[in-house]
């Protein structure tokens, strides 16, 4: 009996020690009882002091429980992950330039709202992370770093010379040929806002980046996605949403560089994709009684951000952009639970908008097209990325739509009222259905959340909405 008591005491002591350690970690100190300003200060300081690697690149996703970068030992051979880079490298750098750009914009808004010199210091470091990523492929072409083919990482031979105009997913801290629309939009969005407060030599550097990005991508909107080549302009229904965002980037490039070719490309893309249809109105929705919706709802943030920019830069088409913004904002709430977490997999009636969560289902192994289990299952799990994005887009919508303002602000207030460490996760499993190969996904700190909560708060402060 004494042995049993001693064992129990040791277990309880270990548990208390673990809980104490978690509380001592910076994000473990986030409490809903704290003023929101204090919680945002904690997030901003955490990013500035901890969320850059030794070379200055921004991290993407971290070990949530221990608040540290993922290490190779965090993943076992039975864990199901995306093919290509090792899992800890995939997690560490997947959205690196996107997050750095968003945090740069957040600190630019912070300086606009407060004139706090600390905001300039935070913005400068985020700018350097954006520039560091850009320089990887400016100094050496994208085909000189790790290349993924059929799930195998290969080191390519060096190409003929530097390329530029390219933000990559810097797995292993190196230049790669992997990127996405948001890995360009996030950095350019941040650079556009930082340009207004940057020193002269940095403004010139920003102009160079915008010019090169515009020129490179005018030659073709093709990306490598884990061994697949996507031609975004010919990949329907991807084109409708991605190409609108590229139109925004071309318009920003013209605003910074005043190069006519940027404006000409914007006009071309806007004529083709400026209708801004939601997935309910594209091939995924219209004409089909139902479809499965996953991360397309999170994409609303880029449409809302882009619509606001174009409404300001192209006032003659303001009503069209705001109409698209409103539709995408409303679309983003589909699949959300009462606690504002969003089911990753849902079934939706594309005509009425009625939706339902999907039960757990796993395809027979012979039908898998990817080794990543998440691409071969449906589960009633929740992806937390919608809530953090609505913390920002809700503020934008409330600014531009008086008839939506009350409901949008109420949602934003609810989101920020509940902001604690749990809300920084990538996935949650409210029904306990995640199988062992995917259990690791429940211990992921999502860098997007760190950036979007800061961005939403400081945007609201800068625009006198909070």
Protein backbone atom coordinates (compact mmCIF):
# COMPACT_ATOMS: atom_id res chain seq x y z
CA UNK A 1 0.00 0.00 0.00
CA UNK A 2 2.91 2.32 0.76
CA UNK A 3 4.40 1.50 -2.64
CA UNK A 4 1.09 2.33 -4.27
CA UNK A 5 0.88 5.64 -2.45
CA UNK A 6 4.48 6.47 -3.32
CA UNK A 7 3.84 5.68 -6.98
CA UNK A 8 0.69 7.80 -6.96
CA UNK A 9 2.58 10.67 -5.32
CA UNK A 10 5.36 10.49 -7.90
CA UNK A 11 2.86 10.49 -10.76
CA UNK A 12 1.04 13.49 -9.30
CA UNK A 13 4.33 15.30 -8.73
CA UNK A 14 5.35 14.66 -12.33
CA UNK A 15 1.97 15.89 -13.56
CA UNK A 16 2.22 19.06 -11.48
CA UNK A 17 5.76 19.61 -12.78
CA UNK A 18 4.59 19.27 -16.39
CA UNK A 19 1.70 21.66 -15.81
CA UNK A 20 4.02 24.16 -14.13
CA UNK A 21 6.44 23.96 -17.04
CA UNK A 22 3.63 24.56 -19.51
CA UNK A 23 2.48 27.61 -17.56
CA UNK A 24 6.01 28.99 -17.58
CA UNK A 25 6.25 28.76 -21.34
CA UNK A 26 5.29 32.09 -22.96
CA UNK A 27 2.10 30.94 -24.68
CA UNK A 28 1.05 28.87 -21.70
CA UNK A 29 0.63 32.15 -19.85
CA UNK A 30 -2.20 33.29 -22.15
CA UNK A 31 -5.38 33.57 -20.10
CA UNK A 32 -8.81 34.72 -21.20
CA UNK A 33 -9.00 36.71 -17.97
CA UNK A 34 -6.18 38.94 -19.22
CA UNK A 35 -6.89 42.13 -21.15
CA UNK A 36 -6.71 41.45 -24.88
CA UNK A 37 -3.92 44.01 -25.32
CA UNK A 38 -1.75 42.02 -22.90
CA UNK A 39 -2.39 38.77 -24.77
CA UNK A 40 -1.49 40.36 -28.11
CA UNK A 41 1.67 41.75 -26.52
CA UNK A 42 2.55 38.22 -25.44
CA UNK A 43 1.98 36.86 -28.96
CA UNK A 44 3.97 39.63 -30.63
CA UNK A 45 6.89 39.24 -28.23
CA UNK A 46 6.84 35.48 -28.65
CA UNK A 47 7.10 35.77 -32.43
CA UNK A 48 9.82 38.42 -32.28
CA UNK A 49 11.94 36.65 -29.69
CA UNK A 50 11.43 32.98 -30.55
CA UNK A 51 9.85 32.36 -33.97
CA UNK A 52 12.88 32.87 -36.23
CA UNK A 53 15.47 30.22 -37.02
CA UNK A 54 19.20 30.84 -36.69
CA UNK A 55 19.41 32.26 -40.23
CA UNK A 56 16.53 34.69 -39.71
CA UNK A 57 13.80 32.79 -41.54
CA UNK A 58 10.36 32.74 -39.94
CA UNK A 59 9.17 29.36 -38.72
CA UNK A 60 5.87 27.91 -39.88
CA UNK A 61 4.51 25.29 -37.45
CA UNK A 62 5.93 24.29 -34.05
CA UNK A 63 5.47 21.65 -31.40
CA UNK A 64 2.42 23.10 -29.62
CA UNK A 65 2.83 21.43 -26.26
CA UNK A 66 6.50 22.22 -25.78
CA UNK A 67 6.57 25.50 -27.75
CA UNK A 68 9.64 24.65 -29.79
CA UNK A 69 10.55 23.79 -33.37
CA UNK A 70 9.78 20.25 -34.43
CA UNK A 71 12.68 17.81 -34.39
CA UNK A 72 13.15 14.60 -36.35
CA UNK A 73 12.48 12.57 -33.20
CA UNK A 74 8.96 14.01 -32.89
CA UNK A 75 7.80 11.76 -35.73
CA UNK A 76 7.80 8.00 -35.93
CA UNK A 77 7.74 5.67 -38.94
CA UNK A 78 4.01 5.08 -38.44
CA UNK A 79 3.09 8.77 -38.65
CA UNK A 80 1.33 9.73 -41.86
CA UNK A 81 2.71 12.94 -43.36
CA UNK A 82 3.00 14.71 -46.69
CA UNK A 83 5.54 13.07 -49.02
CA UNK A 84 8.71 14.98 -49.69
CA UNK A 85 10.77 16.70 -47.00
CA UNK A 86 11.14 15.07 -43.62
CA UNK A 87 8.09 15.85 -41.46
CA UNK A 88 9.91 18.22 -39.10
CA UNK A 89 11.20 20.21 -42.08
CA UNK A 90 7.79 20.29 -43.74
CA UNK A 91 6.21 21.60 -40.55
CA UNK A 92 9.00 24.08 -39.83
CA UNK A 93 8.91 25.90 -43.16
CA UNK A 94 5.67 25.14 -45.04
CA UNK A 95 4.24 28.67 -44.68
CA UNK A 96 7.40 30.52 -43.71
CA UNK A 97 7.24 33.52 -46.10
CA UNK A 98 3.45 33.77 -45.78
CA UNK A 99 3.62 34.11 -41.99
CA UNK A 100 6.57 36.51 -42.10
CA UNK A 101 4.67 38.77 -44.49
CA UNK A 102 1.53 38.76 -42.36
CA UNK A 103 3.49 39.58 -39.21
CA UNK A 104 5.27 42.36 -41.10
CA UNK A 105 1.88 43.84 -42.02
CA UNK A 106 0.67 43.46 -38.44
CA UNK A 107 3.61 45.41 -37.06
CA UNK A 108 3.19 48.04 -39.77
CA UNK A 109 -0.42 48.52 -38.65
CA UNK A 110 0.79 48.56 -35.06
CA UNK A 111 3.17 51.41 -35.83
CA UNK A 112 0.40 53.25 -37.67
CA UNK A 113 -1.83 52.92 -34.59
CA UNK A 114 0.71 53.60 -31.84
CA UNK A 115 3.93 55.08 -33.29
CA UNK A 116 5.68 52.73 -30.89
CA UNK A 117 9.36 52.34 -31.93
CA UNK A 118 9.19 48.71 -30.81
CA UNK A 119 6.75 48.11 -33.65
CA UNK A 120 9.39 49.34 -36.09
CA UNK A 121 11.94 46.96 -34.59
CA UNK A 122 9.54 44.04 -34.83
CA UNK A 123 8.62 45.02 -38.39
CA UNK A 124 12.27 45.26 -39.38
CA UNK A 125 13.01 41.72 -38.26
CA UNK A 126 9.94 40.39 -40.09
CA UNK A 127 11.04 42.28 -43.20
CA UNK A 128 14.46 40.68 -42.96
CA UNK A 129 12.81 37.23 -42.80
CA UNK A 130 10.84 38.03 -45.97
CA UNK A 131 13.98 39.31 -47.67
CA UNK A 132 15.99 36.30 -46.49
CA UNK A 133 13.53 33.90 -48.12
CA UNK A 134 13.52 35.96 -51.30
CA UNK A 135 17.33 36.03 -51.45
CA UNK A 136 17.51 32.22 -51.36
CA UNK A 137 16.30 32.04 -54.94
CA UNK A 138 17.75 35.38 -55.96
CA UNK A 139 21.22 34.10 -55.13
CA UNK A 140 20.68 30.64 -56.57
CA UNK A 141 17.93 29.31 -58.82
CA UNK A 142 15.06 27.32 -57.37
CA UNK A 143 16.36 24.14 -58.97
CA UNK A 144 19.55 24.20 -56.89
CA UNK A 145 17.95 23.18 -53.61
CA UNK A 146 15.91 20.17 -52.48
CA UNK A 147 13.49 18.97 -55.15
CA UNK A 148 10.62 16.60 -54.44
CA UNK A 149 9.64 13.94 -56.95
CA UNK A 150 7.36 11.01 -56.20
CA UNK A 151 7.84 11.64 -52.50
CA UNK A 152 11.63 11.50 -52.67
CA UNK A 153 13.86 14.45 -51.81
CA UNK A 154 16.56 14.93 -54.41
CA UNK A 155 19.28 17.56 -54.57
CA UNK A 156 19.15 19.07 -58.04
CA UNK A 157 22.16 20.19 -60.02
CA UNK A 158 22.81 23.92 -60.09
CA UNK A 159 21.17 25.77 -62.93
CA UNK A 160 22.56 28.40 -65.24
CA UNK A 161 22.24 31.35 -62.88
CA UNK A 162 20.10 33.38 -60.46
CA UNK A 163 16.41 33.77 -61.17
CA UNK A 164 14.65 35.99 -58.61
CA UNK A 165 11.03 37.04 -58.34
CA UNK A 166 10.30 33.93 -56.30
CA UNK A 167 9.37 33.21 -52.67
CA UNK A 168 9.89 29.56 -51.80
CA UNK A 169 8.97 27.13 -49.05
CA UNK A 170 12.48 26.98 -47.62
CA UNK A 171 12.69 23.41 -46.38
CA UNK A 172 16.02 22.78 -44.67
CA UNK A 173 16.56 26.56 -44.80
CA UNK A 174 17.50 26.28 -48.47
CA UNK A 175 16.17 27.39 -51.83
CA UNK A 176 13.54 25.00 -53.18
CA UNK A 177 11.30 24.91 -56.22
CA UNK A 178 8.21 24.74 -54.01
CA UNK A 179 5.86 27.64 -53.51
CA UNK A 180 2.19 28.60 -53.61
CA UNK A 181 0.00 31.62 -54.23
CA UNK A 182 -0.09 32.57 -50.54
CA UNK A 183 3.70 32.32 -50.21
CA UNK A 184 3.82 35.30 -52.56
CA UNK A 185 0.71 37.15 -51.47
CA UNK A 186 1.66 37.20 -47.77
CA UNK A 187 5.12 38.69 -48.36
CA UNK A 188 3.90 41.24 -50.92
CA UNK A 189 1.01 42.25 -48.66
CA UNK A 190 3.48 42.84 -45.84
CA UNK A 191 5.99 44.65 -48.05
CA UNK A 192 3.27 46.90 -49.46
CA UNK A 193 2.30 48.11 -45.99
CA UNK A 194 5.88 48.29 -44.71
CA UNK A 195 6.92 50.32 -47.75
CA UNK A 196 5.00 53.29 -46.31
CA UNK A 197 7.18 53.41 -43.18
CA UNK A 198 10.44 51.84 -44.39
CA UNK A 199 13.71 53.77 -44.74
CA UNK A 200 14.64 54.92 -48.28
CA UNK A 201 17.12 52.13 -49.04
CA UNK A 202 14.57 49.52 -47.98
CA UNK A 203 11.88 51.16 -50.10
CA UNK A 204 14.13 50.76 -53.12
CA UNK A 205 14.71 47.10 -52.27
CA UNK A 206 10.95 46.57 -51.97
CA UNK A 207 10.49 48.18 -55.38
CA UNK A 208 13.05 45.77 -56.86
CA UNK A 209 11.24 42.78 -55.36
CA UNK A 210 7.84 43.84 -56.68
CA UNK A 211 9.27 44.45 -60.13
CA UNK A 212 10.98 41.06 -60.28
CA UNK A 213 7.98 39.14 -58.91
CA UNK A 214 5.67 40.76 -61.45
CA UNK A 215 8.03 40.07 -64.33
CA UNK A 216 8.69 36.45 -63.39
CA UNK A 217 5.07 35.46 -62.96
CA UNK A 218 3.81 37.28 -66.04
CA UNK A 219 5.71 34.56 -67.91
CA UNK A 220 3.44 31.87 -66.44
CA UNK A 221 1.67 31.03 -63.17
CA UNK A 222 3.07 27.55 -62.60
CA UNK A 223 4.01 26.04 -59.26
CA UNK A 224 5.40 22.74 -58.07
CA UNK A 225 3.19 21.12 -55.45
CA UNK A 226 4.75 17.97 -54.00
CA UNK A 227 5.77 16.56 -57.34
CA UNK A 228 2.80 17.91 -59.32
CA UNK A 229 3.01 20.91 -61.65
CA UNK A 230 0.00 23.18 -61.36
CA UNK A 231 -0.63 25.74 -64.05
CA UNK A 232 -2.89 27.92 -61.94
CA UNK A 233 -4.32 29.90 -64.83
CA UNK A 234 -5.49 26.74 -66.57
CA UNK A 235 -6.42 24.73 -63.48
CA UNK A 236 -10.15 25.16 -63.02
CA UNK A 237 -11.73 25.67 -60.56
CA UNK A 238 -8.47 26.76 -58.89
CA UNK A 239 -8.03 29.55 -61.40
CA UNK A 240 -11.02 31.59 -60.23
CA UNK A 241 -9.67 32.07 -56.74
CA UNK A 242 -5.90 31.94 -57.25
CA UNK A 243 -5.77 34.19 -60.29
CA UNK A 244 -7.76 36.93 -58.60
CA UNK A 245 -5.08 37.01 -55.91
CA UNK A 246 -2.36 37.19 -58.59
CA UNK A 247 -4.26 40.10 -60.12
CA UNK A 248 -4.07 41.87 -56.77
CA UNK A 249 -0.33 41.25 -56.59
CA UNK A 250 0.17 42.69 -60.06
CA UNK A 251 -1.82 45.80 -59.07
CA UNK A 252 0.30 46.23 -55.94
CA UNK A 253 3.41 45.87 -58.10
CA UNK A 254 2.19 48.71 -60.31
CA UNK A 255 1.46 50.87 -57.29
CA UNK A 256 5.03 50.43 -56.03
CA UNK A 257 6.95 50.39 -59.33
CA UNK A 258 4.68 52.36 -61.73
CA UNK A 259 5.77 49.95 -64.46
CA UNK A 260 3.08 49.84 -67.19
CA UNK A 261 3.53 46.08 -67.73
CA UNK A 262 2.33 45.42 -64.18
CA UNK A 263 -0.83 47.42 -64.76
CA UNK A 264 -1.43 45.75 -68.12
CA UNK A 265 -1.21 42.31 -66.51
CA UNK A 266 -3.54 43.38 -63.73
CA UNK A 267 -6.09 44.56 -66.28
CA UNK A 268 -5.86 41.25 -68.14
CA UNK A 269 -6.31 39.12 -65.04
CA UNK A 270 -9.01 41.34 -63.57
CA UNK A 271 -11.06 41.05 -66.75
CA UNK A 272 -10.86 37.26 -66.54
CA UNK A 273 -11.10 36.63 -62.80
CA UNK A 274 -12.45 39.78 -61.21
CA UNK A 275 -15.88 38.24 -60.66
CA UNK A 276 -14.52 36.59 -57.48
CA UNK A 277 -16.94 33.64 -57.34
CA UNK A 278 -16.96 31.50 -54.23
CA UNK A 279 -16.55 27.73 -54.68
CA UNK A 280 -20.35 27.41 -54.45
CA UNK A 281 -20.51 29.26 -57.78
CA UNK A 282 -17.77 27.37 -59.61
CA UNK A 283 -17.46 23.84 -60.94
CA UNK A 284 -17.22 22.62 -57.34
CA UNK A 285 -20.68 23.93 -56.57
CA UNK A 286 -23.09 25.15 -59.25
CA UNK A 287 -24.78 22.26 -61.00
CA UNK A 288 -23.96 19.78 -58.25
CA UNK A 289 -26.35 19.03 -55.40
CA UNK A 290 -23.49 18.75 -52.93
CA UNK A 291 -19.75 18.72 -52.65
CA UNK A 292 -17.09 18.19 -50.00
CA UNK A 293 -15.48 21.40 -48.85
CA UNK A 294 -12.13 21.49 -47.05
CA UNK A 295 -9.54 24.26 -46.97
CA UNK A 296 -11.20 26.36 -49.66
CA UNK A 297 -13.05 28.17 -46.87
CA UNK A 298 -9.80 29.43 -45.37
CA UNK A 299 -8.90 30.92 -48.74
CA UNK A 300 -11.52 33.59 -48.10
CA UNK A 301 -8.92 35.61 -46.21
CA UNK A 302 -6.89 36.32 -49.33
CA UNK A 303 -10.00 37.28 -51.31
CA UNK A 304 -11.19 39.66 -48.58
CA UNK A 305 -7.73 41.19 -48.19
CA UNK A 306 -7.34 41.57 -51.94
CA UNK A 307 -10.82 43.01 -52.38
CA UNK A 308 -10.11 45.74 -49.86
CA UNK A 309 -6.85 46.65 -51.56
CA UNK A 310 -8.45 46.85 -54.99
CA UNK A 311 -11.47 48.77 -53.68
CA UNK A 312 -9.00 51.45 -52.57
CA UNK A 313 -6.71 51.34 -55.62
CA UNK A 314 -9.45 50.92 -58.26
CA UNK A 315 -12.37 53.01 -56.97
CA UNK A 316 -14.30 52.75 -60.25
CA UNK A 317 -14.75 49.02 -59.58
CA UNK A 318 -15.16 49.34 -55.82
CA UNK A 319 -18.71 47.96 -55.74
CA UNK A 320 -17.69 44.82 -57.61
CA UNK A 321 -14.81 44.09 -55.26
CA UNK A 322 -16.89 44.71 -52.17
CA UNK A 323 -19.63 42.45 -53.50
CA UNK A 324 -17.09 39.66 -53.87
CA UNK A 325 -15.66 40.39 -50.42
CA UNK A 326 -19.08 40.05 -48.83
CA UNK A 327 -19.82 36.76 -50.58
CA UNK A 328 -16.53 35.23 -49.49
CA UNK A 329 -16.98 36.44 -45.90
CA UNK A 330 -20.38 34.77 -45.73
CA UNK A 331 -18.96 31.64 -47.35
CA UNK A 332 -16.23 31.39 -44.70
CA UNK A 333 -18.73 30.62 -41.94
CA UNK A 334 -20.04 27.47 -43.62
CA UNK A 335 -19.03 24.44 -41.60
CA UNK A 336 -18.38 26.33 -38.38
CA UNK A 337 -19.54 24.94 -35.05
CA UNK A 338 -21.06 27.02 -32.28
CA UNK A 339 -17.57 27.39 -30.78
CA UNK A 340 -16.37 28.79 -34.17
CA UNK A 341 -14.06 25.86 -34.85
CA UNK A 342 -14.64 24.67 -38.42
CA UNK A 343 -15.09 21.10 -39.56
CA UNK A 344 -12.39 20.23 -42.06
CA UNK A 345 -14.67 17.93 -44.07
CA UNK A 346 -18.29 18.84 -44.74
CA UNK A 347 -21.05 18.04 -47.19
CA UNK A 348 -22.82 21.11 -48.53
CA UNK A 349 -25.83 21.81 -50.71
CA UNK A 350 -24.38 24.31 -53.14
CA UNK A 351 -27.76 25.94 -53.81
CA UNK A 352 -29.03 26.44 -50.26
CA UNK A 353 -25.77 26.47 -48.33
CA UNK A 354 -27.07 23.82 -45.91
CA UNK A 355 -24.20 21.67 -44.65
CA UNK A 356 -23.45 18.73 -42.45
CA UNK A 357 -20.31 17.21 -41.02
CA UNK A 358 -19.09 13.95 -42.50
CA UNK A 359 -18.61 10.72 -40.54
CA UNK A 360 -15.25 9.01 -40.24
CA UNK A 361 -14.40 7.11 -43.41
CA UNK A 362 -11.13 5.75 -44.81
CA UNK A 363 -10.62 4.74 -48.44
CA UNK A 364 -9.35 1.24 -49.16
CA UNK A 365 -5.56 1.42 -49.30
CA UNK A 366 -5.55 0.35 -52.95
CA UNK A 367 -7.42 3.57 -53.84
CA UNK A 368 -5.02 5.97 -52.15
CA UNK A 369 -3.42 8.51 -54.47
CA UNK A 370 -1.13 9.85 -51.77
CA UNK A 371 0.72 8.40 -48.80
CA UNK A 372 -0.67 11.23 -46.65
CA UNK A 373 -3.61 9.70 -44.82
CA UNK A 374 -5.45 13.02 -44.54
CA UNK A 375 -5.95 12.98 -48.31
CA UNK A 376 -7.63 9.58 -48.12
CA UNK A 377 -9.99 9.95 -45.16
CA UNK A 378 -12.92 12.05 -44.05
CA UNK A 379 -13.10 12.75 -40.34
CA UNK A 380 -15.26 15.00 -38.12
CA UNK A 381 -12.16 16.91 -37.06
CA UNK A 382 -11.83 20.67 -36.81
CA UNK A 383 -9.28 22.88 -38.49
CA UNK A 384 -8.66 26.02 -36.46
CA UNK A 385 -7.55 28.21 -39.35
CA UNK A 386 -10.94 29.76 -40.09
CA UNK A 387 -11.35 31.38 -36.67
CA UNK A 388 -7.96 33.11 -36.69
CA UNK A 389 -8.54 34.41 -40.22
CA UNK A 390 -11.96 35.76 -39.30
CA UNK A 391 -10.30 37.74 -36.51
CA UNK A 392 -8.87 39.80 -39.36
CA UNK A 393 -11.46 39.55 -42.11
CA UNK A 394 -14.30 40.27 -39.68
CA UNK A 395 -12.70 43.62 -38.92
CA UNK A 396 -12.35 44.38 -42.63
CA UNK A 397 -15.97 43.49 -43.32
CA UNK A 398 -17.24 45.54 -40.38
CA UNK A 399 -15.38 48.53 -41.77
CA UNK A 400 -16.94 48.34 -45.23
CA UNK A 401 -20.47 47.01 -44.66
CA UNK A 402 -22.67 48.86 -42.16
CA UNK A 403 -25.34 46.16 -42.50
CA UNK A 404 -22.80 43.45 -41.60
CA UNK A 405 -20.88 45.46 -39.02
CA UNK A 406 -22.70 44.41 -35.85
CA UNK A 407 -22.61 40.67 -36.58
CA UNK A 408 -19.01 40.81 -37.86
CA UNK A 409 -17.78 42.69 -34.81
CA UNK A 410 -19.61 40.32 -32.50
CA UNK A 411 -17.83 37.41 -34.15
CA UNK A 412 -14.46 39.13 -33.88
CA UNK A 413 -15.12 39.94 -30.23
CA UNK A 414 -16.02 36.29 -29.53
CA UNK A 415 -12.86 35.11 -31.23
CA UNK A 416 -10.61 37.43 -29.26
CA UNK A 417 -12.48 36.86 -25.98
CA UNK A 418 -11.59 33.17 -26.16
CA UNK A 419 -8.03 33.66 -27.36
CA UNK A 420 -5.77 31.30 -25.41
CA UNK A 421 -3.11 28.74 -26.24
CA UNK A 422 -5.70 26.17 -27.38
CA UNK A 423 -6.72 28.51 -30.19
CA UNK A 424 -3.23 28.42 -31.65
CA UNK A 425 -3.54 24.77 -32.63
CA UNK A 426 -3.66 23.44 -36.18
CA UNK A 427 -6.31 20.74 -35.65
CA UNK A 428 -8.63 19.73 -32.83
CA UNK A 429 -10.45 16.42 -32.38
CA UNK A 430 -13.71 17.11 -30.51
CA UNK A 431 -15.07 13.62 -31.14
CA UNK A 432 -11.88 11.64 -30.50
CA UNK A 433 -11.74 10.07 -33.97
CA UNK A 434 -8.20 10.86 -35.15
CA UNK A 435 -6.40 7.56 -35.87
CA UNK A 436 -2.88 6.90 -34.49
CA UNK A 437 -1.03 7.77 -37.74
CA UNK A 438 -2.47 11.32 -37.51
CA UNK A 439 -2.33 11.90 -33.75
CA UNK A 440 0.68 14.15 -34.21
CA UNK A 441 -1.53 16.71 -35.99
CA UNK A 442 -3.15 17.53 -32.64
CA UNK A 443 0.17 18.82 -31.26
CA UNK A 444 0.89 21.48 -33.88
CA UNK A 445 1.21 25.18 -33.08
CA UNK A 446 0.07 26.99 -36.20
CA UNK A 447 2.20 30.00 -37.08
CA UNK A 448 -0.66 31.37 -39.17
CA UNK A 449 -2.59 31.88 -35.94
CA UNK A 450 0.20 33.89 -34.33
CA UNK A 451 0.29 36.23 -37.32
CA UNK A 452 -3.45 36.54 -37.96
CA UNK A 453 -4.43 37.32 -34.37
CA UNK A 454 -1.81 40.07 -34.30
CA UNK A 455 -2.85 41.31 -37.73
CA UNK A 456 -6.55 41.41 -36.88
CA UNK A 457 -5.95 43.27 -33.64
CA UNK A 458 -3.62 45.91 -35.04
CA UNK A 459 -5.68 46.41 -38.20
CA UNK A 460 -8.67 47.18 -35.99
CA UNK A 461 -6.61 49.56 -33.84
CA UNK A 462 -5.17 51.35 -36.87
CA UNK A 463 -8.64 51.81 -38.36
CA UNK A 464 -10.28 52.89 -35.09
CA UNK A 465 -12.43 49.77 -34.87
CA UNK A 466 -11.18 48.80 -31.41
